[in-house]
PDB file of N, CA and C in Angstrom:
ATOM      1  N   UNK A   1       2.175  41.296  -3.946  1.00  0.00           N
ATOM      2  CA  UNK A   1       3.222  40.385  -4.389  1.00  0.00           C
ATOM      3  C   UNK A   1       3.030  38.992  -3.785  1.00  0.00           C
ATOM      4  N   UNK A   2       2.645  38.959  -2.528  1.00  0.00           N
ATOM      5  CA  UNK A   2       2.489  37.690  -1.841  1.00  0.00           C
ATOM      6  C   UNK A   2       1.336  36.887  -2.446  1.00  0.00           C
ATOM      7  N   UNK A   3       0.267  37.553  -2.854  1.00  0.00           N
ATOM      8  CA  UNK A   3      -0.868  36.858  -3.456  1.00  0.00           C
ATOM      9  C   UNK A   3      -0.487  36.240  -4.792  1.00  0.00           C
ATOM     10  N   UNK A   4       0.399  36.886  -5.525  1.00  0.00           N
ATOM     11  CA  UNK A   4       0.828  36.341  -6.805  1.00  0.00           C
ATOM     12  C   UNK A   4       1.620  35.054  -6.624  1.00  0.00           C
ATOM     13  N   UNK A   5       2.476  35.014  -5.617  1.00  0.00           N
ATOM     14  CA  UNK A   5       3.270  33.801  -5.363  1.00  0.00           C
ATOM     15  C   UNK A   5       2.358  32.663  -4.920  1.00  0.00           C
ATOM     16  N   UNK A   6       1.415  32.961  -4.050  1.00  0.00           N
ATOM     17  CA  UNK A   6       0.486  31.936  -3.577  1.00  0.00           C
ATOM     18  C   UNK A   6      -0.387  31.424  -4.713  1.00  0.00           C
ATOM     19  N   UNK A   7      -0.870  32.315  -5.556  1.00  0.00           N
ATOM     20  CA  UNK A   7      -1.697  31.910  -6.691  1.00  0.00           C
ATOM     21  C   UNK A   7      -0.902  31.074  -7.686  1.00  0.00           C
ATOM     22  N   UNK A   8       0.342  31.455  -7.923  1.00  0.00           N
ATOM     23  CA  UNK A   8       1.197  30.685  -8.825  1.00  0.00           C
ATOM     24  C   UNK A   8       1.468  29.297  -8.282  1.00  0.00           C
ATOM     25  N   UNK A   9       1.668  29.205  -6.980  1.00  0.00           N
ATOM     26  CA  UNK A   9       1.910  27.902  -6.350  1.00  0.00           C
ATOM     27  C   UNK A   9       0.678  27.012  -6.457  1.00  0.00           C
ATOM     28  N   UNK A  10      -0.498  27.573  -6.260  1.00  0.00           N
ATOM     29  CA  UNK A  10      -1.738  26.793  -6.367  1.00  0.00           C
ATOM     30  C   UNK A  10      -1.920  26.297  -7.799  1.00  0.00           C
ATOM     31  N   UNK A  11      -1.683  27.159  -8.770  1.00  0.00           N
ATOM     32  CA  UNK A  11      -1.822  26.756 -10.178  1.00  0.00           C
ATOM     33  C   UNK A  11      -0.807  25.670 -10.519  1.00  0.00           C
ATOM     34  N   UNK A  12       0.414  25.802 -10.011  1.00  0.00           N
ATOM     35  CA  UNK A  12       1.441  24.790 -10.262  1.00  0.00           C
ATOM     36  C   UNK A  12       1.023  23.434  -9.714  1.00  0.00           C
ATOM     37  N   UNK A  13       0.501  23.406  -8.496  1.00  0.00           N
ATOM     38  CA  UNK A  13       0.089  22.144  -7.877  1.00  0.00           C
ATOM     39  C   UNK A  13      -1.090  21.538  -8.637  1.00  0.00           C
ATOM     40  N   UNK A  14      -2.023  22.363  -9.074  1.00  0.00           N
ATOM     41  CA  UNK A  14      -3.178  21.856  -9.822  1.00  0.00           C
ATOM     42  C   UNK A  14      -2.736  21.272 -11.159  1.00  0.00           C
ATOM     43  N   UNK A  15      -1.844  21.955 -11.866  1.00  0.00           N
ATOM     44  CA  UNK A  15      -1.354  21.453 -13.154  1.00  0.00           C
ATOM     45  C   UNK A  15      -0.576  20.164 -12.954  1.00  0.00           C
ATOM     46  N   UNK A  16       0.245  20.103 -11.931  1.00  0.00           N
ATOM     47  CA  UNK A  16       1.012  18.888 -11.656  1.00  0.00           C
ATOM     48  C   UNK A  16       0.084  17.715 -11.357  1.00  0.00           C
ATOM     49  N   UNK A  17      -0.970  17.968 -10.583  1.00  0.00           N
ATOM     50  CA  UNK A  17      -1.948  16.921 -10.269  1.00  0.00           C
ATOM     51  C   UNK A  17      -2.656  16.438 -11.529  1.00  0.00           C
ATOM     52  N   UNK A  18      -3.037  17.364 -12.388  1.00  0.00           N
ATOM     53  CA  UNK A  18      -3.715  16.985 -13.637  1.00  0.00           C
ATOM     54  C   UNK A  18      -2.795  16.151 -14.521  1.00  0.00           C
ATOM     55  N   UNK A  19      -1.526  16.525 -14.604  1.00  0.00           N
ATOM     56  CA  UNK A  19      -0.585  15.751 -15.422  1.00  0.00           C
ATOM     57  C   UNK A  19      -0.379  14.342 -14.859  1.00  0.00           C
ATOM     58  N   UNK A  20      -0.316  14.223 -13.563  1.00  0.00           N
ATOM     59  CA  UNK A  20      -0.176  12.892 -12.961  1.00  0.00           C
ATOM     60  C   UNK A  20      -1.411  12.041 -13.207  1.00  0.00           C
ATOM     61  N   UNK A  21      -2.591  12.643 -13.127  1.00  0.00           N
ATOM     62  CA  UNK A  21      -3.822  11.896 -13.395  1.00  0.00           C
ATOM     63  C   UNK A  21      -3.885  11.452 -14.846  1.00  0.00           C
ATOM     64  N   UNK A  22      -3.499  12.326 -15.775  1.00  0.00           N
ATOM     65  CA  UNK A  22      -3.484  11.946 -17.187  1.00  0.00           C
ATOM     66  C   UNK A  22      -2.493  10.818 -17.451  1.00  0.00           C
ATOM     67  N   UNK A  23      -1.371  10.846 -16.776  1.00  0.00           N
ATOM     68  CA  UNK A  23      -0.379   9.785 -16.934  1.00  0.00           C
ATOM     69  C   UNK A  23      -0.926   8.455 -16.432  1.00  0.00           C
ATOM     70  N   UNK A  24      -1.624   8.478 -15.298  1.00  0.00           N
ATOM     71  CA  UNK A  24      -2.208   7.245 -14.761  1.00  0.00           C
ATOM     72  C   UNK A  24      -3.314   6.711 -15.663  1.00  0.00           C
ATOM     73  N   UNK A  25      -4.116   7.600 -16.230  1.00  0.00           N
ATOM     74  CA  UNK A  25      -5.208   7.166 -17.093  1.00  0.00           C
ATOM     75  C   UNK A  25      -4.676   6.600 -18.402  1.00  0.00           C
ATOM     76  N   UNK A  26      -3.655   7.238 -18.963  1.00  0.00           N
ATOM     77  CA  UNK A  26      -3.142   6.795 -20.260  1.00  0.00           C
ATOM     78  C   UNK A  26      -2.310   5.528 -20.152  1.00  0.00           C
ATOM     79  N   UNK A  27      -1.774   5.241 -18.988  1.00  0.00           N
ATOM     80  CA  UNK A  27      -0.971   4.035 -18.789  1.00  0.00           C
ATOM     81  C   UNK A  27      -1.909   2.892 -18.437  1.00  0.00           C
ATOM     82  N   UNK A  28      -2.304   2.092 -19.453  1.00  0.00           N
ATOM     83  CA  UNK A  28      -3.306   1.049 -19.232  1.00  0.00           C
ATOM     84  C   UNK A  28      -2.687  -0.324 -19.032  1.00  0.00           C
ATOM     85  N   UNK A  29      -1.393  -0.399 -18.847  1.00  0.00           N
ATOM     86  CA  UNK A  29      -0.762  -1.701 -18.610  1.00  0.00           C
ATOM     87  C   UNK A  29      -1.162  -2.179 -17.221  1.00  0.00           C
ATOM     88  N   UNK A  30      -1.780  -3.331 -17.208  1.00  0.00           N
ATOM     89  CA  UNK A  30      -2.188  -3.870 -15.921  1.00  0.00           C
ATOM     90  C   UNK A  30      -1.089  -4.779 -15.401  1.00  0.00           C
ATOM     91  N   UNK A  31      -0.624  -4.468 -14.242  1.00  0.00           N
ATOM     92  CA  UNK A  31       0.420  -5.272 -13.614  1.00  0.00           C
ATOM     93  C   UNK A  31      -0.253  -6.366 -12.793  1.00  0.00           C
ATOM     94  N   UNK A  32       0.285  -7.567 -12.851  1.00  0.00           N
ATOM     95  CA  UNK A  32      -0.327  -8.627 -12.043  1.00  0.00           C
ATOM     96  C   UNK A  32      -0.132  -8.332 -10.556  1.00  0.00           C
ATOM     97  N   UNK A  33      -1.207  -8.428  -9.842  1.00  0.00           N
ATOM     98  CA  UNK A  33      -1.123  -8.173  -8.410  1.00  0.00           C
ATOM     99  C   UNK A  33      -0.777  -9.468  -7.690  1.00  0.00           C
ATOM    100  N   UNK A  34       0.122  -9.347  -6.767  1.00  0.00           N
ATOM    101  CA  UNK A  34       0.556 -10.503  -5.980  1.00  0.00           C
ATOM    102  C   UNK A  34      -0.091 -10.376  -4.608  1.00  0.00           C
ATOM    103  N   UNK A  35      -0.869 -11.374  -4.275  1.00  0.00           N
ATOM    104  CA  UNK A  35      -1.549 -11.343  -2.990  1.00  0.00           C
ATOM    105  C   UNK A  35      -0.896 -12.350  -2.052  1.00  0.00           C
ATOM    106  N   UNK A  36      -0.524 -11.863  -0.900  1.00  0.00           N
ATOM    107  CA  UNK A  36       0.003 -12.751   0.124  1.00  0.00           C
ATOM    108  C   UNK A  36      -1.170 -13.318   0.905  1.00  0.00           C
ATOM    109  N   UNK A  37      -1.234 -14.631   0.944  1.00  0.00           N
ATOM    110  CA  UNK A  37      -2.333 -15.251   1.665  1.00  0.00           C
ATOM    111  C   UNK A  37      -1.780 -16.105   2.799  1.00  0.00           C
ATOM    112  N   UNK A  38      -2.511 -16.167   3.833  1.00  0.00           N
ATOM    113  CA  UNK A  38      -2.147 -16.997   4.973  1.00  0.00           C
ATOM    114  C   UNK A  38      -3.380 -17.793   5.382  1.00  0.00           C
ATOM    115  N   UNK A  39      -3.161 -19.037   5.737  1.00  0.00           N
ATOM    116  CA  UNK A  39      -4.270 -19.860   6.168  1.00  0.00           C
ATOM    117  C   UNK A  39      -4.236 -19.971   7.684  1.00  0.00           C
ATOM    118  N   UNK A  40      -5.375 -19.744   8.274  1.00  0.00           N
ATOM    119  CA  UNK A  40      -5.496 -19.807   9.723  1.00  0.00           C
ATOM    120  C   UNK A  40      -6.411 -20.969  10.058  1.00  0.00           C
ATOM    121  N   UNK A  41      -5.919 -21.826  10.924  1.00  0.00           N
ATOM    122  CA  UNK A  41      -6.705 -22.992  11.317  1.00  0.00           C
ATOM    123  C   UNK A  41      -7.321 -22.720  12.684  1.00  0.00           C
ATOM    124  N   UNK A  42      -8.635 -22.838  12.749  1.00  0.00           N
ATOM    125  CA  UNK A  42      -9.330 -22.619  14.003  1.00  0.00           C
ATOM    126  C   UNK A  42      -9.329 -23.922  14.803  1.00  0.00           C
ATOM    127  N   UNK A  43      -8.825 -23.837  15.995  1.00  0.00           N
ATOM    128  CA  UNK A  43      -8.799 -25.019  16.852  1.00  0.00           C
ATOM    129  C   UNK A  43      -9.521 -24.705  18.156  1.00  0.00           C
ATOM    130  N   UNK A  44     -10.213 -25.704  18.674  1.00  0.00           N
ATOM    131  CA  UNK A  44     -10.892 -25.529  19.949  1.00  0.00           C
ATOM    132  C   UNK A  44     -10.489 -26.674  20.867  1.00  0.00           C
ATOM    133  N   UNK A  45     -10.163 -26.320  22.067  1.00  0.00           N
ATOM    134  CA  UNK A  45      -9.823 -27.283  23.128  1.00  0.00           C
ATOM    135  C   UNK A  45      -8.695 -28.222  22.738  1.00  0.00           C
ATOM    136  N   UNK A  46      -7.694 -27.693  22.070  1.00  0.00           N
ATOM    137  CA  UNK A  46      -6.521 -28.503  21.759  1.00  0.00           C
ATOM    138  C   UNK A  46      -5.333 -27.937  22.514  1.00  0.00           C
ATOM    139  N   UNK A  47      -4.577 -28.817  23.104  1.00  0.00           N
ATOM    140  CA  UNK A  47      -3.396 -28.392  23.821  1.00  0.00           C
ATOM    141  C   UNK A  47      -2.167 -28.919  23.092  1.00  0.00           C
ATOM    142  N   UNK A  48      -1.822 -28.283  22.014  1.00  0.00           N
ATOM    143  CA  UNK A  48      -0.637 -28.679  21.270  1.00  0.00           C
ATOM    144  C   UNK A  48       0.538 -27.846  21.777  1.00  0.00           C
ATOM    145  N   UNK A  49       1.298 -28.436  22.658  1.00  0.00           N
ATOM    146  CA  UNK A  49       2.426 -27.742  23.231  1.00  0.00           C
ATOM    147  C   UNK A  49       3.730 -28.345  22.719  1.00  0.00           C
ATOM    148  N   UNK A  50       4.721 -27.544  22.605  1.00  0.00           N
ATOM    149  CA  UNK A  50       6.025 -28.037  22.191  1.00  0.00           C
ATOM    150  C   UNK A  50       6.667 -28.761  23.364  1.00  0.00           C
ATOM    151  N   UNK A  51       7.295 -29.874  23.077  1.00  0.00           N
ATOM    152  CA  UNK A  51       7.964 -30.665  24.118  1.00  0.00           C
ATOM    153  C   UNK A  51       9.455 -30.487  23.954  1.00  0.00           C
ATOM    154  N   UNK A  52      10.073 -30.000  24.993  1.00  0.00           N
ATOM    155  CA  UNK A  52      11.514 -29.786  24.957  1.00  0.00           C
ATOM    156  C   UNK A  52      12.151 -30.867  25.815  1.00  0.00           C
ATOM    157  N   UNK A  53      13.066 -31.622  25.197  1.00  0.00           N
ATOM    158  CA  UNK A  53      13.751 -32.691  25.906  1.00  0.00           C
ATOM    159  C   UNK A  53      15.166 -32.205  26.215  1.00  0.00           C
ATOM    160  N   UNK A  54      15.559 -32.410  27.441  1.00  0.00           N
ATOM    161  CA  UNK A  54      16.919 -32.061  27.822  1.00  0.00           C
ATOM    162  C   UNK A  54      17.562 -33.257  28.508  1.00  0.00           C
ATOM    163  N   UNK A  55      18.814 -33.471  28.215  1.00  0.00           N
ATOM    164  CA  UNK A  55      19.559 -34.577  28.806  1.00  0.00           C
ATOM    165  C   UNK A  55      20.412 -34.024  29.938  1.00  0.00           C
ATOM    166  N   UNK A  56      20.049 -34.398  31.172  1.00  0.00           N
ATOM    167  CA  UNK A  56      20.819 -33.924  32.338  1.00  0.00           C
ATOM    168  C   UNK A  56      21.481 -35.064  33.020  1.00  0.00           C
TER     169      UNK A  56
END
């Protein structure tokens, strides 16, 4: 009995995987990909420090 349940579960997972793959293949709508880009500036020997002014 236990082997039947395990075999049924394996078949269910395989069928579900196949259906998901078929859905992905048949859905050919290409969505525009949005890429987040960041620019990094390489600096050498620069001491750009923030200056904090306080009135005492």
